[in-house]
C-alpha atoms as a PDB file:
ATOM      1  CA  MET A   1     -10.078 -14.951  26.394  1.00  0.00           C
ATOM      2  CA  VAL A   2     -13.212 -15.156  24.270  1.00  0.00           C
ATOM      3  CA  GLU A   3     -11.341 -16.074  21.078  1.00  0.00           C
ATOM      4  CA  LEU A   4      -8.478 -18.171  22.431  1.00  0.00           C
ATOM      5  CA  PHE A   5     -10.233 -20.141  25.170  1.00  0.00           C
ATOM      6  CA  GLY A   6     -13.904 -19.947  24.204  1.00  0.00           C
ATOM      7  CA  PHE A   7     -14.987 -18.179  27.388  1.00  0.00           C
ATOM      8  CA  HIS A   8     -18.317 -16.402  27.081  1.00  0.00           C
ATOM      9  CA  PHE A   9     -18.728 -13.424  29.363  1.00  0.00           C
ATOM     10  CA  SER A  10     -21.953 -11.477  29.548  1.00  0.00           C
ATOM     11  CA  TYR A  11     -23.046 -10.584  26.018  1.00  0.00           C
ATOM     12  CA  GLN A  12     -25.955  -9.648  23.818  1.00  0.00           C
ATOM     13  CA  ILE A  13     -26.733 -10.674  20.266  1.00  0.00           C
ATOM     14  CA  ILE A  14     -27.237  -7.582  18.132  1.00  0.00           C
ATOM     15  CA  PRO A  15     -28.186  -7.082  14.469  1.00  0.00           C
ATOM     16  CA  PRO A  16     -25.608  -5.714  12.009  1.00  0.00           C
ATOM     17  CA  LEU A  17     -25.307  -1.955  11.544  1.00  0.00           C
ATOM     18  CA  ASN A  18     -24.649  -2.565   7.866  1.00  0.00           C
ATOM     19  CA  GLU A  19     -27.846  -3.946   6.353  1.00  0.00           C
ATOM     20  CA  LEU A  20     -25.800  -5.752   3.688  1.00  0.00           C
ATOM     21  CA  ASN A  21     -24.345  -8.108   6.327  1.00  0.00           C
ATOM     22  CA  ASN A  22     -26.503 -11.207   6.708  1.00  0.00           C
ATOM     23  CA  TYR A  23     -25.316 -12.185  10.192  1.00  0.00           C
ATOM     24  CA  ASP A  24     -25.699 -10.929  13.752  1.00  0.00           C
ATOM     25  CA  TYR A  25     -22.973 -10.136  16.311  1.00  0.00           C
ATOM     26  CA  TYR A  26     -21.979 -11.208  19.788  1.00  0.00           C
ATOM     27  CA  CYS A  27     -21.677  -7.924  21.681  1.00  0.00           C
ATOM     28  CA  TYR A  28     -19.413  -8.003  24.750  1.00  0.00           C
ATOM     29  CA  ALA A  29     -18.103  -5.019  26.694  1.00  0.00           C
ATOM     30  CA  PHE A  30     -15.698  -3.218  24.311  1.00  0.00           C
ATOM     31  CA  TYR A  31     -15.733  -6.106  21.838  1.00  0.00           C
ATOM     32  CA  VAL A  32     -17.967  -7.561  19.143  1.00  0.00           C
ATOM     33  CA  LYS A  33     -17.582 -10.603  16.914  1.00  0.00           C
ATOM     34  CA  PRO A  34     -19.685 -12.005  14.078  1.00  0.00           C
ATOM     35  CA  TYR A  35     -22.283 -14.553  15.148  1.00  0.00           C
ATOM     36  CA  SER A  36     -20.738 -17.298  13.042  1.00  0.00           C
ATOM     37  CA  PHE A  37     -18.143 -20.005  13.543  1.00  0.00           C
ATOM     38  CA  SER A  38     -14.526 -19.326  12.646  1.00  0.00           C
ATOM     39  CA  ILE A  39     -11.317 -20.732  14.121  1.00  0.00           C
ATOM     40  CA  LEU A  40      -9.716 -17.308  14.027  1.00  0.00           C
ATOM     41  CA  PRO A  41     -12.195 -14.556  13.126  1.00  0.00           C
ATOM     42  CA  ARG A  42     -10.928 -11.181  12.045  1.00  0.00           C
ATOM     43  CA  PHE A  43     -10.477  -8.875  15.021  1.00  0.00           C
ATOM     44  CA  CYS A  44     -13.220  -6.216  15.118  1.00  0.00           C
ATOM     45  CA  SER A  45     -12.656  -4.648  18.562  1.00  0.00           C
ATOM     46  CA  PHE A  46     -15.919  -2.767  19.224  1.00  0.00           C
ATOM     47  CA  TYR A  47     -16.540  -1.938  15.552  1.00  0.00           C
ATOM     48  CA  ASP A  48     -18.890  -3.761  13.222  1.00  0.00           C
ATOM     49  CA  GLU A  49     -16.139  -4.553  10.724  1.00  0.00           C
ATOM     50  CA  PRO A  50     -12.433  -5.338  11.073  1.00  0.00           C
ATOM     51  CA  GLY A  51     -11.431  -2.910   8.332  1.00  0.00           C
ATOM     52  CA  VAL A  52     -12.035  -0.021  10.741  1.00  0.00           C
ATOM     53  CA  VAL A  53      -9.565  -1.583  13.198  1.00  0.00           C
ATOM     54  CA  GLY A  54      -7.007  -1.948  10.414  1.00  0.00           C
ATOM     55  CA  THR A  55      -7.456   1.679   9.340  1.00  0.00           C
ATOM     56  CA  ILE A  56      -7.127   3.118  12.852  1.00  0.00           C
ATOM     57  CA  SER A  57      -4.170   0.852  13.701  1.00  0.00           C
ATOM     58  CA  ALA A  58      -2.352   1.942  10.544  1.00  0.00           C
ATOM     59  CA  PHE A  59      -2.965   5.614  11.358  1.00  0.00           C
ATOM     60  CA  ILE A  60      -1.729   5.309  14.941  1.00  0.00           C
ATOM     61  CA  LEU A  61       1.435   3.417  14.027  1.00  0.00           C
ATOM     62  CA  ALA A  62       2.251   5.746  11.127  1.00  0.00           C
ATOM     63  CA  LEU A  63       1.813   8.812  13.328  1.00  0.00           C
ATOM     64  CA  LYS A  64       3.994   7.238  16.020  1.00  0.00           C
ATOM     65  CA  ASN A  65       6.682   6.264  13.507  1.00  0.00           C
ATOM     66  CA  PHE A  66       6.062   2.527  13.983  1.00  0.00           C
ATOM     67  CA  ASN A  67       8.066   2.797  17.184  1.00  0.00           C
ATOM     68  CA  LEU A  68       7.706  -0.659  18.729  1.00  0.00           C
ATOM     69  CA  ARG A  69       9.993   0.384  21.582  1.00  0.00           C
ATOM     70  CA  ASP A  70       6.905   2.188  22.834  1.00  0.00           C
ATOM     71  CA  LYS A  71       4.849  -0.560  24.500  1.00  0.00           C
ATOM     72  CA  PHE A  72       1.622   1.260  23.632  1.00  0.00           C
ATOM     73  CA  ASN A  73       2.197   0.469  19.958  1.00  0.00           C
ATOM     74  CA  ILE A  74       2.582  -3.295  20.399  1.00  0.00           C
ATOM     75  CA  PRO A  75      -1.133  -4.120  21.002  1.00  0.00           C
ATOM     76  CA  VAL A  76      -1.993  -1.675  18.214  1.00  0.00           C
ATOM     77  CA  LEU A  77       0.259  -3.640  15.845  1.00  0.00           C
ATOM     78  CA  ILE A  78      -1.261  -6.951  16.984  1.00  0.00           C
ATOM     79  CA  ALA A  79      -4.782  -5.569  16.475  1.00  0.00           C
ATOM     80  CA  GLY A  80      -3.857  -4.442  12.961  1.00  0.00           C
ATOM     81  CA  ILE A  81      -2.321  -7.782  12.034  1.00  0.00           C
ATOM     82  CA  PHE A  82      -5.295  -9.799  13.286  1.00  0.00           C
ATOM     83  CA  SER A  83      -7.803  -7.514  11.608  1.00  0.00           C
ATOM     84  CA  PHE A  84      -6.448  -9.007   8.346  1.00  0.00           C
ATOM     85  CA  SER A  85      -7.105  -5.620   6.785  1.00  0.00           C
ATOM     86  CA  LEU A  86      -5.432  -5.188   3.400  1.00  0.00           C
ATOM     87  CA  TYR A  87      -5.286  -1.442   4.080  1.00  0.00           C
ATOM     88  CA  PHE A  88      -3.293  -2.023   7.264  1.00  0.00           C
ATOM     89  CA  TYR A  89      -0.799  -4.321   5.562  1.00  0.00           C
ATOM     90  CA  LEU A  90      -0.241  -1.983   2.617  1.00  0.00           C
ATOM     91  CA  VAL A  91       0.159   1.171   4.736  1.00  0.00           C
ATOM     92  CA  ALA A  92       2.509  -0.666   7.093  1.00  0.00           C
ATOM     93  CA  VAL A  93       4.743  -1.819   4.227  1.00  0.00           C
ATOM     94  CA  ILE A  94       4.749   1.609   2.554  1.00  0.00           C
ATOM     95  CA  TYR A  95       5.594   3.393   5.799  1.00  0.00           C
ATOM     96  CA  ILE A  96       8.320   0.981   6.883  1.00  0.00           C
ATOM     97  CA  VAL A  97       9.993   0.988   3.456  1.00  0.00           C
ATOM     98  CA  PHE A  98       9.881   4.736   2.789  1.00  0.00           C
ATOM     99  CA  PHE A  99       9.760   6.485   6.167  1.00  0.00           C
ATOM    100  CA  VAL A 100      11.655   4.409   8.738  1.00  0.00           C
ATOM    101  CA  LYS A 101      15.177   5.807   8.472  1.00  0.00           C
ATOM    102  CA  ASP A 102      17.012   3.262  10.612  1.00  0.00           C
ATOM    103  CA  LYS A 103      17.612   0.478   8.085  1.00  0.00           C
ATOM    104  CA  ARG A 104      18.472  -2.070  10.769  1.00  0.00           C
ATOM    105  CA  TYR A 105      15.293  -1.267  12.704  1.00  0.00           C
ATOM    106  CA  ARG A 106      13.342  -1.353   9.427  1.00  0.00           C
ATOM    107  CA  GLY A 107      14.705  -4.813   8.736  1.00  0.00           C
ATOM    108  CA  TYR A 108      13.694  -6.064  12.176  1.00  0.00           C
ATOM    109  CA  ILE A 109      10.114  -4.877  11.703  1.00  0.00           C
ATOM    110  CA  LEU A 110       9.798  -6.353   8.207  1.00  0.00           C
ATOM    111  CA  LEU A 111      11.326  -9.653   9.305  1.00  0.00           C
ATOM    112  CA  ALA A 112       9.037  -9.932  12.336  1.00  0.00           C
ATOM    113  CA  SER A 113       5.988  -9.063  10.217  1.00  0.00           C
ATOM    114  CA  CYS A 114       6.912 -11.643   7.566  1.00  0.00           C
ATOM    115  CA  VAL A 115       7.400 -14.314  10.225  1.00  0.00           C
ATOM    116  CA  VAL A 116       3.962 -13.624  11.691  1.00  0.00           C
ATOM    117  CA  VAL A 117       2.292 -13.670   8.278  1.00  0.00           C
ATOM    118  CA  PHE A 118       3.938 -16.878   7.094  1.00  0.00           C
ATOM    119  CA  VAL A 119       3.351 -18.654  10.414  1.00  0.00           C
ATOM    120  CA  LEU A 120      -0.332 -17.791  10.191  1.00  0.00           C
ATOM    121  CA  GLN A 121      -0.413 -18.923   6.575  1.00  0.00           C
ATOM    122  CA  TYR A 122       1.245 -22.223   7.516  1.00  0.00           C
ATOM    123  CA  VAL A 123      -1.124 -22.836  10.436  1.00  0.00           C
ATOM    124  CA  TYR A 124      -4.190 -22.117   8.317  1.00  0.00           C
ATOM    125  CA  THR A 125      -3.280 -23.889   5.097  1.00  0.00           C
ATOM    126  CA  ASP A 126      -6.533 -25.875   5.253  1.00  0.00           C
ATOM    127  CA  ASN A 127      -8.436 -22.673   6.004  1.00  0.00           C
ATOM    128  CA  PRO A 128      -6.449 -20.091   4.007  1.00  0.00           C
ATOM    129  CA  LEU A 129      -7.393 -16.976   5.931  1.00  0.00           C
ATOM    130  CA  LEU A 130      -4.583 -14.849   4.562  1.00  0.00           C
ATOM    131  CA  GLU A 131      -5.162 -16.018   1.011  1.00  0.00           C
ATOM    132  CA  LYS A 132      -8.813 -14.989   1.238  1.00  0.00           C
ATOM    133  CA  TYR A 133      -8.319 -11.580   2.817  1.00  0.00           C
ATOM    134  CA  ILE A 134      -4.840 -10.533   1.662  1.00  0.00           C
ATOM    135  CA  PHE A 135      -3.122 -12.476  -1.133  1.00  0.00           C
ATOM    136  CA  ASN A 136      -6.149 -13.155  -3.342  1.00  0.00           C
ATOM    137  CA  ARG A 137      -7.172  -9.504  -3.145  1.00  0.00           C
ATOM    138  CA  LEU A 138      -3.805  -8.486  -4.626  1.00  0.00           C
ATOM    139  CA  GLU A 139      -4.416 -10.469  -7.802  1.00  0.00           C
ATOM    140  CA  TYR A 140      -4.672  -8.268 -10.886  1.00  0.00           C
ATOM    141  CA  ASP A 141      -7.224  -8.638 -13.653  1.00  0.00           C
ATOM    142  CA  PRO A 142      -6.427  -6.677 -16.870  1.00  0.00           C
ATOM    143  CA  ASP A 143     -10.123  -5.811 -17.323  1.00  0.00           C
ATOM    144  CA  LYS A 144     -11.263  -5.294 -13.723  1.00  0.00           C
ATOM    145  CA  GLY A 145      -8.028  -4.187 -12.046  1.00  0.00           C
ATOM    146  CA  PHE A 146      -7.092  -5.489  -8.604  1.00  0.00           C
ATOM    147  CA  VAL A 147      -9.496  -8.093  -7.254  1.00  0.00           C
ATOM    148  CA  GLY A 148      -9.390  -6.502  -3.799  1.00  0.00           C
ATOM    149  CA  ASN A 149     -10.606  -3.148  -5.068  1.00  0.00           C
ATOM    150  CA  ASN A 150     -14.233  -3.477  -4.011  1.00  0.00           C
ATOM    151  CA  ARG A 151     -14.837   0.257  -3.611  1.00  0.00           C
ATOM    152  CA  ASN A 152     -16.979   0.413  -6.762  1.00  0.00           C
ATOM    153  CA  LEU A 153     -19.658  -1.978  -7.895  1.00  0.00           C
ATOM    154  CA  ALA A 154     -19.646  -2.912 -11.583  1.00  0.00           C
ATOM    155  CA  LYS A 155     -22.939  -1.190 -12.415  1.00  0.00           C
ATOM    156  CA  PHE A 156     -21.778   1.987 -10.708  1.00  0.00           C
ATOM    157  CA  ASP A 157     -18.652   2.156 -12.873  1.00  0.00           C
ATOM    158  CA  GLU A 158     -20.822   1.984 -15.973  1.00  0.00           C
ATOM    159  CA  TRP A 159     -23.096   4.732 -14.661  1.00  0.00           C
ATOM    160  CA  TYR A 160     -20.109   6.855 -13.603  1.00  0.00           C
ATOM    161  CA  SER A 161     -18.614   6.712 -17.098  1.00  0.00           C
ATOM    162  CA  ASP A 162     -21.752   8.372 -18.461  1.00  0.00           C
ATOM    163  CA  PHE A 163     -21.822  10.812 -15.549  1.00  0.00           C
ATOM    164  CA  ARG A 164     -18.298  12.028 -16.349  1.00  0.00           C
ATOM    165  CA  ASN A 165     -19.494  13.150 -19.773  1.00  0.00           C
ATOM    166  CA  SER A 166     -22.415  15.136 -18.384  1.00  0.00           C
ATOM    167  CA  SER A 167     -22.569  18.761 -17.208  1.00  0.00           C
ATOM    168  CA  ASP A 168     -23.393  17.535 -13.669  1.00  0.00           C
ATOM    169  CA  TYR A 169     -19.843  16.224 -13.370  1.00  0.00           C
ATOM    170  CA  LEU A 170     -18.584  19.733 -12.581  1.00  0.00           C
ATOM    171  CA  LEU A 171     -20.878  20.625  -9.665  1.00  0.00           C
ATOM    172  CA  GLY A 172     -22.363  17.255  -8.688  1.00  0.00           C
ATOM    173  CA  LEU A 173     -25.887  16.084  -7.968  1.00  0.00           C
ATOM    174  CA  GLY A 174     -26.137  17.051  -4.303  1.00  0.00           C
ATOM    175  CA  ARG A 175     -25.231  15.618  -0.917  1.00  0.00           C
ATOM    176  CA  ASN A 176     -27.945  12.933  -0.883  1.00  0.00           C
ATOM    177  CA  ALA A 177     -27.524  11.831  -4.493  1.00  0.00           C
ATOM    178  CA  LYS A 178     -26.029   8.435  -3.659  1.00  0.00           C
ATOM    179  CA  ARG A 179     -28.952   7.446  -1.445  1.00  0.00           C
ATOM    180  CA  GLU A 180     -31.700   9.037  -3.528  1.00  0.00           C
ATOM    181  CA  LEU A 181     -30.450   7.534  -6.796  1.00  0.00           C
ATOM    182  CA  ASP A 182     -29.455   4.218  -5.169  1.00  0.00           C
ATOM    183  CA  LEU A 183     -25.879   4.463  -6.459  1.00  0.00           C
ATOM    184  CA  ASN A 184     -22.983   2.170  -5.504  1.00  0.00           C
ATOM    185  CA  GLN A 185     -24.903   0.650  -2.601  1.00  0.00           C
ATOM    186  CA  GLY A 186     -22.500  -1.588  -0.690  1.00  0.00           C
ATOM    187  CA  GLY A 187     -19.494   0.243  -2.156  1.00  0.00           C
ATOM    188  CA  ALA A 188     -17.522   3.203  -0.843  1.00  0.00           C
ATOM    189  CA  SER A 189     -15.519   5.260  -3.314  1.00  0.00           C
ATOM    190  CA  TYR A 190     -14.121   8.753  -3.725  1.00  0.00           C
ATOM    191  CA  LYS A 191     -16.253   8.753  -6.879  1.00  0.00           C
ATOM    192  CA  ASP A 192     -19.310   8.868  -4.609  1.00  0.00           C
ATOM    193  CA  ARG A 193     -18.103  12.239  -3.317  1.00  0.00           C
ATOM    194  CA  ILE A 194     -17.552  13.486  -6.875  1.00  0.00           C
ATOM    195  CA  VAL A 195     -21.107  12.480  -7.743  1.00  0.00           C
ATOM    196  CA  GLU A 196     -22.370  14.430  -4.735  1.00  0.00           C
ATOM    197  CA  TYR A 197     -20.140  17.527  -4.787  1.00  0.00           C
ATOM    198  CA  GLY A 198     -18.787  17.509  -8.338  1.00  0.00           C
ATOM    199  CA  ILE A 199     -15.199  17.357  -9.515  1.00  0.00           C
ATOM    200  CA  ILE A 200     -14.818  21.056  -8.668  1.00  0.00           C
ATOM    201  CA  GLY A 201     -16.008  20.669  -5.075  1.00  0.00           C
ATOM    202  CA  PHE A 202     -14.039  17.487  -4.488  1.00  0.00           C
ATOM    203  CA  GLY A 203     -10.944  18.910  -6.165  1.00  0.00           C
ATOM    204  CA  LEU A 204     -11.076  22.083  -4.047  1.00  0.00           C
ATOM    205  CA  TYR A 205     -11.380  19.990  -0.893  1.00  0.00           C
ATOM    206  CA  VAL A 206      -8.297  17.940  -1.780  1.00  0.00           C
ATOM    207  CA  ILE A 207      -6.229  20.945  -2.879  1.00  0.00           C
ATOM    208  CA  LEU A 208      -7.074  23.047   0.199  1.00  0.00           C
ATOM    209  CA  MET A 209      -6.278  20.159   2.549  1.00  0.00           C
ATOM    210  CA  LEU A 210      -2.906  19.555   0.924  1.00  0.00           C
ATOM    211  CA  LEU A 211      -2.037  23.261   0.850  1.00  0.00           C
ATOM    212  CA  TRP A 212      -2.952  23.634   4.506  1.00  0.00           C
ATOM    213  CA  ALA A 213      -0.791  20.645   5.436  1.00  0.00           C
ATOM    214  CA  TYR A 214       2.112  21.795   3.265  1.00  0.00           C
ATOM    215  CA  ARG A 215       2.126  25.253   4.872  1.00  0.00           C
ATOM    216  CA  ARG A 216       2.458  23.626   8.282  1.00  0.00           C
ATOM    217  CA  PHE A 217       5.053  20.986   7.411  1.00  0.00           C
ATOM    218  CA  ARG A 218       6.877  22.406   4.409  1.00  0.00           C
ATOM    219  CA  ASN A 219       8.887  19.884   2.404  1.00  0.00           C
ATOM    220  CA  ASN A 220       9.683  17.339   5.107  1.00  0.00           C
ATOM    221  CA  GLN A 221       8.762  13.833   6.106  1.00  0.00           C
ATOM    222  CA  ALA A 222       5.677  14.928   8.031  1.00  0.00           C
ATOM    223  CA  PHE A 223       4.003  16.242   4.885  1.00  0.00           C
ATOM    224  CA  PHE A 224       4.643  13.034   2.941  1.00  0.00           C
ATOM    225  CA  VAL A 225       3.354  10.909   5.835  1.00  0.00           C
ATOM    226  CA  PHE A 226       0.186  12.999   5.860  1.00  0.00           C
ATOM    227  CA  LEU A 227      -0.033  12.768   2.065  1.00  0.00           C
ATOM    228  CA  MET A 228       0.116   8.969   2.224  1.00  0.00           C
ATOM    229  CA  LEU A 229      -2.562   8.785   4.936  1.00  0.00           C
ATOM    230  CA  PHE A 230      -4.786  11.361   3.269  1.00  0.00           C
ATOM    231  CA  ILE A 231      -4.734   9.743  -0.179  1.00  0.00           C
ATOM    232  CA  THR A 232      -5.213   6.213   1.142  1.00  0.00           C
ATOM    233  CA  ILE A 233      -8.108   7.174   3.427  1.00  0.00           C
ATOM    234  CA  LEU A 234      -9.844   9.021   0.575  1.00  0.00           C
ATOM    235  CA  PHE A 235      -9.528   5.878  -1.531  1.00  0.00           C
ATOM    236  CA  GLN A 236     -10.411   3.406   1.218  1.00  0.00           C
ATOM    237  CA  ARG A 237     -12.983   5.246   3.357  1.00  0.00           C
ATOM    238  CA  PRO A 238     -13.955   8.533   1.718  1.00  0.00           C
ATOM    239  CA  PHE A 239     -16.581   9.515   4.286  1.00  0.00           C
ATOM    240  CA  ILE A 240     -15.355  13.090   4.536  1.00  0.00           C
ATOM    241  CA  MET A 241     -18.603  14.403   6.055  1.00  0.00           C
ATOM    242  CA  VAL A 242     -18.892  11.706   8.746  1.00  0.00           C
ATOM    243  CA  PRO A 243     -17.529  13.185  12.030  1.00  0.00           C
ATOM    244  CA  PHE A 244     -15.359  10.163  12.883  1.00  0.00           C
ATOM    245  CA  TYR A 245     -13.568  10.121   9.525  1.00  0.00           C
ATOM    246  CA  PHE A 246     -13.488  13.923   9.402  1.00  0.00           C
ATOM    247  CA  ILE A 247     -11.457  13.854  12.631  1.00  0.00           C
ATOM    248  CA  LEU A 248      -9.361  10.945  11.350  1.00  0.00           C
ATOM    249  CA  ILE A 249      -8.366  12.990   8.296  1.00  0.00           C
ATOM    250  CA  PHE A 250      -7.614  16.193  10.212  1.00  0.00           C
ATOM    251  CA  SER A 251      -5.914  14.729  13.293  1.00  0.00           C
ATOM    252  CA  PRO A 252      -2.600  13.831  11.553  1.00  0.00           C
ATOM    253  CA  ILE A 253      -2.009  17.506  10.762  1.00  0.00           C
ATOM    254  CA  ALA A 254      -2.166  18.522  14.418  1.00  0.00           C
ATOM    255  CA  PHE A 255      -0.243  15.473  15.613  1.00  0.00           C
ATOM    256  CA  LEU A 256       2.510  15.627  13.023  1.00  0.00           C
ATOM    257  CA  GLU A 257       2.930  19.374  13.496  1.00  0.00           C
ATOM    258  CA  LYS A 258       3.414  18.800  17.216  1.00  0.00           C
ATOM    259  CA  GLU A 259       5.842  15.927  16.756  1.00  0.00           C
ATOM    260  CA  ARG A 260       7.784  17.738  14.011  1.00  0.00           C
ATOM    261  CA  ILE A 261       8.845  14.574  12.200  1.00  0.00           C
ATOM    262  CA  LYS A 262      11.883  15.438  10.076  1.00  0.00           C
END
């Protein structure tokens, strides 16, 4: 109602949680939106950035096998699409191509998704929303890699190259190193965790998680679904000590073990 018809229910204007954002937010009940004009802003739900919506939507749909016959999954899919999260789009494509066994059903989902994307692109040709958030970010630069990979800031990559050749690379600089040394501020990379806990600590964390999952799933689809989610979340949002993301990483193991996806 707020986005489509411009209705303003009771709201407050709140400052951004992320100090790097230079705009405030409209805060409604269970919904926030940036305090700036846009014909179709990215859907944030009650989070301060739409990427969180895209991440959670991708997790839910992957764990529920992208079953759109379940009506619960339809608003989740819509939320993911309108978050314009590159993570959501990539995980959705990977899952549908590799894990949906019914080829006819897979084709229906891909066709419907393509129709939605191209309709939105056609409608917003003068305001290329999808080009800005999706297509342009997939462009590849031989020197810098993918344009959409904004996990590392340029100066941090230079510093990290020197760090890799130091003795601290093995055991890290400590949990608060990123903040104390003002490293990669505004970025979020698995390299931040290596700086803090060292390649040994980070490597042990990854290996133990994968071994634990493999013992529960063995060599079946559930393990590879978890592997996809685990690797992508470590790359996209590697906040392994933040309770929310800690639960997000561990929850697929319990859910997939219960569902016994084969």
